[in-house]
């Protein structure tokens, strides 16, 4: 059975609340009754969320989507992290991953992913800006969807440049929102609630890209999590 077929089976068995308005800031994040838990944990499991600045819809073509997919894959190879789940939306992403048993630094992992992806985003936008029309076409899923509009590549680059001027430590382009969110998922309950949040992303009322999560092409769930969902 393929991963998509497994996910289809699991999703059918799961009770979704598609109208859930809970934000990622409290998705599975209850107060720890045992006291303070350090964020940095060797081999820790984390949920990371980050968005394109000013909610620009950058991840709307296969070429731009694949930049993040490849970034996650490179992190797995270079840092020995395990991607447990991720979803890429037009202007943000959620990534659940586990560090290797030799690392306690999630920031170095997601920081490198975003740095590499940023360079490729700018490279693509510059290339697209050379012509009068888009070089990369919208995903079929986003065609004729009023919730997914895309500015001209030149306009996106200009906006990134303008945002960069607001920061002393940014030279040319500011691609990502300054604030991103990282959560330590240090128990099974937190892990599965955040996995649920990832699964729900493409079917929430705000987007409604698909009726069933497994039909969204840029949602990934690992075999390990599929087994947990099916249990």
C-alpha atoms as a PDB file:
ATOM      1  CA  UNK A   1       0.000   0.000   0.000  1.00  0.00           C
ATOM      2  CA  UNK A   2       1.377   3.399  -0.982  1.00  0.00           C
ATOM      3  CA  UNK A   3       1.876   6.213   1.525  1.00  0.00           C
ATOM      4  CA  UNK A   4      -1.048   8.120   0.000  1.00  0.00           C
ATOM      5  CA  UNK A   5      -3.292   5.060   0.277  1.00  0.00           C
ATOM      6  CA  UNK A   6      -2.228   4.544   3.890  1.00  0.00           C
ATOM      7  CA  UNK A   7      -2.937   8.191   4.661  1.00  0.00           C
ATOM      8  CA  UNK A   8      -6.329   7.906   2.973  1.00  0.00           C
ATOM      9  CA  UNK A   9      -7.217   4.992   5.231  1.00  0.00           C
ATOM     10  CA  UNK A  10      -6.024   6.799   8.349  1.00  0.00           C
ATOM     11  CA  UNK A  11      -7.696  10.100   7.495  1.00  0.00           C
ATOM     12  CA  UNK A  12     -10.983   8.335   6.915  1.00  0.00           C
ATOM     13  CA  UNK A  13     -10.738   6.901  10.422  1.00  0.00           C
ATOM     14  CA  UNK A  14      -9.830  10.224  12.032  1.00  0.00           C
ATOM     15  CA  UNK A  15     -12.412  12.687  13.331  1.00  0.00           C
ATOM     16  CA  UNK A  16     -11.507  16.034  11.792  1.00  0.00           C
ATOM     17  CA  UNK A  17     -12.810  19.438  12.737  1.00  0.00           C
ATOM     18  CA  UNK A  18     -12.251  21.345   9.518  1.00  0.00           C
ATOM     19  CA  UNK A  19     -13.577  24.549  11.049  1.00  0.00           C
ATOM     20  CA  UNK A  20     -10.969  24.514  13.810  1.00  0.00           C
ATOM     21  CA  UNK A  21      -9.694  28.071  14.327  1.00  0.00           C
ATOM     22  CA  UNK A  22      -6.940  27.113  16.766  1.00  0.00           C
ATOM     23  CA  UNK A  23      -3.660  28.812  15.852  1.00  0.00           C
ATOM     24  CA  UNK A  24      -0.359  27.030  15.773  1.00  0.00           C
ATOM     25  CA  UNK A  25       0.730  28.939  18.869  1.00  0.00           C
ATOM     26  CA  UNK A  26      -1.496  26.752  20.999  1.00  0.00           C
ATOM     27  CA  UNK A  27      -1.845  23.668  18.832  1.00  0.00           C
ATOM     28  CA  UNK A  28      -1.051  20.969  21.356  1.00  0.00           C
ATOM     29  CA  UNK A  29       0.910  23.325  23.587  1.00  0.00           C
ATOM     30  CA  UNK A  30      -0.420  22.906  27.111  1.00  0.00           C
ATOM     31  CA  UNK A  31       1.456  24.169  30.162  1.00  0.00           C
ATOM     32  CA  UNK A  32       3.922  21.685  31.590  1.00  0.00           C
ATOM     33  CA  UNK A  33       2.806  20.752  35.101  1.00  0.00           C
ATOM     34  CA  UNK A  34       6.211  19.267  35.878  1.00  0.00           C
ATOM     35  CA  UNK A  35       7.986  22.623  35.546  1.00  0.00           C
ATOM     36  CA  UNK A  36      10.306  24.180  33.017  1.00  0.00           C
ATOM     37  CA  UNK A  37      11.537  21.959  30.186  1.00  0.00           C
ATOM     38  CA  UNK A  38      14.545  23.241  28.190  1.00  0.00           C
ATOM     39  CA  UNK A  39      13.733  23.828  24.531  1.00  0.00           C
ATOM     40  CA  UNK A  40      16.994  22.259  23.403  1.00  0.00           C
ATOM     41  CA  UNK A  41      16.806  18.487  23.753  1.00  0.00           C
ATOM     42  CA  UNK A  42      19.191  15.911  22.318  1.00  0.00           C
ATOM     43  CA  UNK A  43      17.208  13.968  19.742  1.00  0.00           C
ATOM     44  CA  UNK A  44      14.209  16.217  20.402  1.00  0.00           C
ATOM     45  CA  UNK A  45      11.058  16.333  18.298  1.00  0.00           C
ATOM     46  CA  UNK A  46       9.847  19.746  17.157  1.00  0.00           C
ATOM     47  CA  UNK A  47       7.115  21.557  15.297  1.00  0.00           C
ATOM     48  CA  UNK A  48       8.382  24.527  13.311  1.00  0.00           C
ATOM     49  CA  UNK A  49       6.205  27.072  11.515  1.00  0.00           C
ATOM     50  CA  UNK A  50       7.371  29.913   9.293  1.00  0.00           C
ATOM     51  CA  UNK A  51       5.734  32.277   6.804  1.00  0.00           C
ATOM     52  CA  UNK A  52       6.747  34.398   3.838  1.00  0.00           C
ATOM     53  CA  UNK A  53       6.822  38.059   4.775  1.00  0.00           C
ATOM     54  CA  UNK A  54       3.552  39.938   4.234  1.00  0.00           C
ATOM     55  CA  UNK A  55       1.943  36.609   3.353  1.00  0.00           C
ATOM     56  CA  UNK A  56       3.202  36.696  -0.219  1.00  0.00           C
ATOM     57  CA  UNK A  57       2.041  33.623  -2.122  1.00  0.00           C
ATOM     58  CA  UNK A  58       5.396  32.255  -3.240  1.00  0.00           C
ATOM     59  CA  UNK A  59       4.787  28.515  -2.931  1.00  0.00           C
ATOM     60  CA  UNK A  60       2.192  28.247  -5.676  1.00  0.00           C
ATOM     61  CA  UNK A  61       4.058  26.466  -8.472  1.00  0.00           C
ATOM     62  CA  UNK A  62       5.775  23.058  -8.466  1.00  0.00           C
ATOM     63  CA  UNK A  63       9.134  24.791  -8.906  1.00  0.00           C
ATOM     64  CA  UNK A  64       8.781  26.838  -5.721  1.00  0.00           C
ATOM     65  CA  UNK A  65       7.118  24.055  -3.741  1.00  0.00           C
ATOM     66  CA  UNK A  66       9.988  21.721  -4.587  1.00  0.00           C
ATOM     67  CA  UNK A  67      12.493  24.173  -3.127  1.00  0.00           C
ATOM     68  CA  UNK A  68      11.143  23.456   0.350  1.00  0.00           C
ATOM     69  CA  UNK A  69      10.694  19.740  -0.275  1.00  0.00           C
ATOM     70  CA  UNK A  70      14.323  19.500  -1.346  1.00  0.00           C
ATOM     71  CA  UNK A  71      15.347  21.627   1.620  1.00  0.00           C
ATOM     72  CA  UNK A  72      13.761  19.147   4.019  1.00  0.00           C
ATOM     73  CA  UNK A  73      15.396  16.224   2.213  1.00  0.00           C
ATOM     74  CA  UNK A  74      18.809  17.905   2.351  1.00  0.00           C
ATOM     75  CA  UNK A  75      18.385  18.476   6.092  1.00  0.00           C
ATOM     76  CA  UNK A  76      17.700  14.773   6.538  1.00  0.00           C
ATOM     77  CA  UNK A  77      20.885  13.867   4.675  1.00  0.00           C
ATOM     78  CA  UNK A  78      23.159  16.530   6.123  1.00  0.00           C
ATOM     79  CA  UNK A  79      21.916  16.705   9.712  1.00  0.00           C
ATOM     80  CA  UNK A  80      20.460  13.218  10.106  1.00  0.00           C
ATOM     81  CA  UNK A  81      17.064  14.613  11.082  1.00  0.00           C
ATOM     82  CA  UNK A  82      13.847  12.705  10.540  1.00  0.00           C
ATOM     83  CA  UNK A  83      10.929  14.475   8.883  1.00  0.00           C
ATOM     84  CA  UNK A  84       7.803  13.180  10.584  1.00  0.00           C
ATOM     85  CA  UNK A  85       5.354  15.394   8.698  1.00  0.00           C
ATOM     86  CA  UNK A  86       5.162  18.631   6.788  1.00  0.00           C
ATOM     87  CA  UNK A  87       2.740  20.665   4.737  1.00  0.00           C
ATOM     88  CA  UNK A  88       3.590  23.501   2.360  1.00  0.00           C
ATOM     89  CA  UNK A  89       0.933  26.151   1.909  1.00  0.00           C
ATOM     90  CA  UNK A  90       1.072  29.126  -0.516  1.00  0.00           C
ATOM     91  CA  UNK A  91       2.755  31.464   1.976  1.00  0.00           C
ATOM     92  CA  UNK A  92       3.850  29.323   4.938  1.00  0.00           C
ATOM     93  CA  UNK A  93       4.803  25.851   6.044  1.00  0.00           C
ATOM     94  CA  UNK A  94       4.643  23.546   9.055  1.00  0.00           C
ATOM     95  CA  UNK A  95       7.382  20.994   9.663  1.00  0.00           C
ATOM     96  CA  UNK A  96       7.504  18.312  12.348  1.00  0.00           C
ATOM     97  CA  UNK A  97      10.963  16.780  12.646  1.00  0.00           C
ATOM     98  CA  UNK A  98      13.188  14.859  15.028  1.00  0.00           C
ATOM     99  CA  UNK A  99      16.837  15.691  15.630  1.00  0.00           C
ATOM    100  CA  UNK A 100      19.556  13.071  15.554  1.00  0.00           C
ATOM    101  CA  UNK A 101      20.740  11.600  18.836  1.00  0.00           C
ATOM    102  CA  UNK A 102      23.866  13.732  18.507  1.00  0.00           C
ATOM    103  CA  UNK A 103      22.149  17.109  18.245  1.00  0.00           C
ATOM    104  CA  UNK A 104      20.150  19.414  20.498  1.00  0.00           C
ATOM    105  CA  UNK A 105      20.028  22.410  18.150  1.00  0.00           C
ATOM    106  CA  UNK A 106      16.851  22.678  16.043  1.00  0.00           C
ATOM    107  CA  UNK A 107      17.664  26.266  15.040  1.00  0.00           C
ATOM    108  CA  UNK A 108      20.725  25.202  13.074  1.00  0.00           C
ATOM    109  CA  UNK A 109      18.558  22.777  11.094  1.00  0.00           C
ATOM    110  CA  UNK A 110      15.595  24.968  10.161  1.00  0.00           C
ATOM    111  CA  UNK A 111      17.879  27.989   9.836  1.00  0.00           C
ATOM    112  CA  UNK A 112      19.932  26.282   7.156  1.00  0.00           C
ATOM    113  CA  UNK A 113      16.815  25.060   5.364  1.00  0.00           C
ATOM    114  CA  UNK A 114      15.423  28.586   5.175  1.00  0.00           C
ATOM    115  CA  UNK A 115      18.754  30.076   4.148  1.00  0.00           C
ATOM    116  CA  UNK A 116      19.141  27.657   1.249  1.00  0.00           C
ATOM    117  CA  UNK A 117      15.520  28.002   0.181  1.00  0.00           C
ATOM    118  CA  UNK A 118      15.776  31.797   0.320  1.00  0.00           C
ATOM    119  CA  UNK A 119      18.678  31.793  -2.127  1.00  0.00           C
ATOM    120  CA  UNK A 120      16.747  29.595  -4.532  1.00  0.00           C
ATOM    121  CA  UNK A 121      13.561  31.651  -4.216  1.00  0.00           C
ATOM    122  CA  UNK A 122      15.454  34.823  -5.141  1.00  0.00           C
ATOM    123  CA  UNK A 123      17.222  33.027  -7.975  1.00  0.00           C
ATOM    124  CA  UNK A 124      13.895  31.851  -9.402  1.00  0.00           C
ATOM    125  CA  UNK A 125      12.240  35.251  -9.018  1.00  0.00           C
ATOM    126  CA  UNK A 126      15.130  37.008 -10.746  1.00  0.00           C
ATOM    127  CA  UNK A 127      14.954  34.511 -13.601  1.00  0.00           C
ATOM    128  CA  UNK A 128      11.196  34.912 -13.915  1.00  0.00           C
ATOM    129  CA  UNK A 129      11.536  38.698 -13.864  1.00  0.00           C
ATOM    130  CA  UNK A 130      13.500  38.640 -17.124  1.00  0.00           C
ATOM    131  CA  UNK A 131      10.340  37.981 -19.103  1.00  0.00           C
ATOM    132  CA  UNK A 132       7.015  39.715 -19.429  1.00  0.00           C
ATOM    133  CA  UNK A 133       5.045  36.735 -18.215  1.00  0.00           C
ATOM    134  CA  UNK A 134       5.347  34.056 -15.574  1.00  0.00           C
ATOM    135  CA  UNK A 135       7.775  31.291 -16.467  1.00  0.00           C
ATOM    136  CA  UNK A 136       6.296  28.946 -13.894  1.00  0.00           C
ATOM    137  CA  UNK A 137       2.607  28.128 -13.952  1.00  0.00           C
ATOM    138  CA  UNK A 138       0.333  27.785 -10.945  1.00  0.00           C
ATOM    139  CA  UNK A 139      -0.410  24.339  -9.637  1.00  0.00           C
ATOM    140  CA  UNK A 140      -3.649  23.041 -11.120  1.00  0.00           C
ATOM    141  CA  UNK A 141      -4.955  22.938  -7.563  1.00  0.00           C
ATOM    142  CA  UNK A 142      -4.642  26.730  -7.307  1.00  0.00           C
ATOM    143  CA  UNK A 143      -5.950  27.655 -10.743  1.00  0.00           C
ATOM    144  CA  UNK A 144      -9.130  29.718 -10.574  1.00  0.00           C
ATOM    145  CA  UNK A 145      -8.913  29.800  -6.791  1.00  0.00           C
ATOM    146  CA  UNK A 146      -9.662  33.327  -5.573  1.00  0.00           C
ATOM    147  CA  UNK A 147      -7.831  32.625  -2.318  1.00  0.00           C
ATOM    148  CA  UNK A 148      -4.530  32.161  -4.146  1.00  0.00           C
ATOM    149  CA  UNK A 149      -3.393  35.215  -6.064  1.00  0.00           C
ATOM    150  CA  UNK A 150       0.188  35.690  -7.175  1.00  0.00           C
ATOM    151  CA  UNK A 151       1.987  38.975  -7.680  1.00  0.00           C
ATOM    152  CA  UNK A 152       4.361  39.441 -10.583  1.00  0.00           C
ATOM    153  CA  UNK A 153       7.886  38.208  -9.773  1.00  0.00           C
ATOM    154  CA  UNK A 154       9.265  41.761 -10.124  1.00  0.00           C
ATOM    155  CA  UNK A 155       6.723  43.001  -7.595  1.00  0.00           C
ATOM    156  CA  UNK A 156       7.593  40.237  -5.125  1.00  0.00           C
ATOM    157  CA  UNK A 157      11.303  41.036  -5.425  1.00  0.00           C
ATOM    158  CA  UNK A 158      10.598  44.735  -4.941  1.00  0.00           C
ATOM    159  CA  UNK A 159       8.571  44.010  -1.805  1.00  0.00           C
ATOM    160  CA  UNK A 160      11.344  41.803  -0.432  1.00  0.00           C
ATOM    161  CA  UNK A 161      13.821  44.635  -1.023  1.00  0.00           C
ATOM    162  CA  UNK A 162      11.611  47.171   0.699  1.00  0.00           C
ATOM    163  CA  UNK A 163      11.184  44.916   3.714  1.00  0.00           C
ATOM    164  CA  UNK A 164      14.962  44.393   3.927  1.00  0.00           C
ATOM    165  CA  UNK A 165      15.442  48.135   4.437  1.00  0.00           C
ATOM    166  CA  UNK A 166      13.629  47.868   7.762  1.00  0.00           C
ATOM    167  CA  UNK A 167      16.324  45.609   9.222  1.00  0.00           C
ATOM    168  CA  UNK A 168      19.934  46.540   9.921  1.00  0.00           C
ATOM    169  CA  UNK A 169      21.119  42.944   9.610  1.00  0.00           C
ATOM    170  CA  UNK A 170      19.460  42.201   6.245  1.00  0.00           C
ATOM    171  CA  UNK A 171      21.406  43.199   3.124  1.00  0.00           C
ATOM    172  CA  UNK A 172      19.158  42.858   0.074  1.00  0.00           C
ATOM    173  CA  UNK A 173      16.010  40.801   0.517  1.00  0.00           C
ATOM    174  CA  UNK A 174      13.777  39.982   3.458  1.00  0.00           C
ATOM    175  CA  UNK A 175      11.872  36.835   2.505  1.00  0.00           C
ATOM    176  CA  UNK A 176      10.599  35.380   5.794  1.00  0.00           C
ATOM    177  CA  UNK A 177       8.564  36.916   8.576  1.00  0.00           C
ATOM    178  CA  UNK A 178      10.785  37.891  11.493  1.00  0.00           C
ATOM    179  CA  UNK A 179       8.686  35.846  13.888  1.00  0.00           C
ATOM    180  CA  UNK A 180       8.522  32.099  13.445  1.00  0.00           C
ATOM    181  CA  UNK A 181       7.331  29.464  15.897  1.00  0.00           C
ATOM    182  CA  UNK A 182       9.124  26.464  17.332  1.00  0.00           C
ATOM    183  CA  UNK A 183       7.617  24.002  19.787  1.00  0.00           C
ATOM    184  CA  UNK A 184       9.222  21.110  21.602  1.00  0.00           C
ATOM    185  CA  UNK A 185       6.930  18.091  21.329  1.00  0.00           C
ATOM    186  CA  UNK A 186       8.147  16.247  24.384  1.00  0.00           C
ATOM    187  CA  UNK A 187       5.255  13.846  24.795  1.00  0.00           C
ATOM    188  CA  UNK A 188       2.959  11.765  22.609  1.00  0.00           C
ATOM    189  CA  UNK A 189      -0.048  14.001  23.156  1.00  0.00           C
ATOM    190  CA  UNK A 190       1.728  17.128  21.922  1.00  0.00           C
ATOM    191  CA  UNK A 191       3.194  15.248  18.980  1.00  0.00           C
ATOM    192  CA  UNK A 192      -0.106  13.876  17.748  1.00  0.00           C
ATOM    193  CA  UNK A 193      -1.999  17.163  18.250  1.00  0.00           C
ATOM    194  CA  UNK A 194       0.570  18.959  16.120  1.00  0.00           C
ATOM    195  CA  UNK A 195       0.475  16.201  13.517  1.00  0.00           C
ATOM    196  CA  UNK A 196      -3.293  16.717  13.417  1.00  0.00           C
ATOM    197  CA  UNK A 197      -2.727  20.424  12.893  1.00  0.00           C
ATOM    198  CA  UNK A 198      -0.481  19.686   9.917  1.00  0.00           C
ATOM    199  CA  UNK A 199      -3.030  17.292   8.442  1.00  0.00           C
ATOM    200  CA  UNK A 200      -5.837  19.794   8.816  1.00  0.00           C
ATOM    201  CA  UNK A 201      -3.999  22.689   7.126  1.00  0.00           C
ATOM    202  CA  UNK A 202      -5.118  22.194   3.498  1.00  0.00           C
ATOM    203  CA  UNK A 203      -8.742  21.482   4.434  1.00  0.00           C
ATOM    204  CA  UNK A 204      -9.343  24.359   6.850  1.00  0.00           C
ATOM    205  CA  UNK A 205     -12.077  26.860   6.055  1.00  0.00           C
ATOM    206  CA  UNK A 206      -9.532  29.547   5.234  1.00  0.00           C
ATOM    207  CA  UNK A 207      -8.099  27.578   2.295  1.00  0.00           C
ATOM    208  CA  UNK A 208     -10.330  24.614   1.450  1.00  0.00           C
ATOM    209  CA  UNK A 209      -7.926  23.399  -1.195  1.00  0.00           C
ATOM    210  CA  UNK A 210      -9.100  19.816  -0.875  1.00  0.00           C
ATOM    211  CA  UNK A 211     -11.863  17.981   0.901  1.00  0.00           C
ATOM    212  CA  UNK A 212      -9.536  15.232   2.081  1.00  0.00           C
ATOM    213  CA  UNK A 213      -6.047  15.855   3.414  1.00  0.00           C
ATOM    214  CA  UNK A 214      -4.509  12.955   1.493  1.00  0.00           C
ATOM    215  CA  UNK A 215      -5.405  14.671  -1.792  1.00  0.00           C
ATOM    216  CA  UNK A 216      -3.148  17.666  -1.105  1.00  0.00           C
ATOM    217  CA  UNK A 217       0.085  17.040  -3.061  1.00  0.00           C
ATOM    218  CA  UNK A 218       2.422  18.875  -0.692  1.00  0.00           C
ATOM    219  CA  UNK A 219       1.443  17.130   2.509  1.00  0.00           C
ATOM    220  CA  UNK A 220       3.877  14.492   3.774  1.00  0.00           C
ATOM    221  CA  UNK A 221       3.397  12.073   6.657  1.00  0.00           C
ATOM    222  CA  UNK A 222       6.053   9.516   7.577  1.00  0.00           C
ATOM    223  CA  UNK A 223       5.407   5.808   7.922  1.00  0.00           C
ATOM    224  CA  UNK A 224       6.086   6.120  11.650  1.00  0.00           C
ATOM    225  CA  UNK A 225       3.292   8.651  12.081  1.00  0.00           C
ATOM    226  CA  UNK A 226       0.919   6.761   9.811  1.00  0.00           C
ATOM    227  CA  UNK A 227       1.271   3.765  12.099  1.00  0.00           C
ATOM    228  CA  UNK A 228       0.515   5.920  15.135  1.00  0.00           C
ATOM    229  CA  UNK A 229      -2.549   7.405  13.462  1.00  0.00           C
ATOM    230  CA  UNK A 230      -3.826   3.983  12.522  1.00  0.00           C
ATOM    231  CA  UNK A 231      -3.293   2.498  15.998  1.00  0.00           C
END
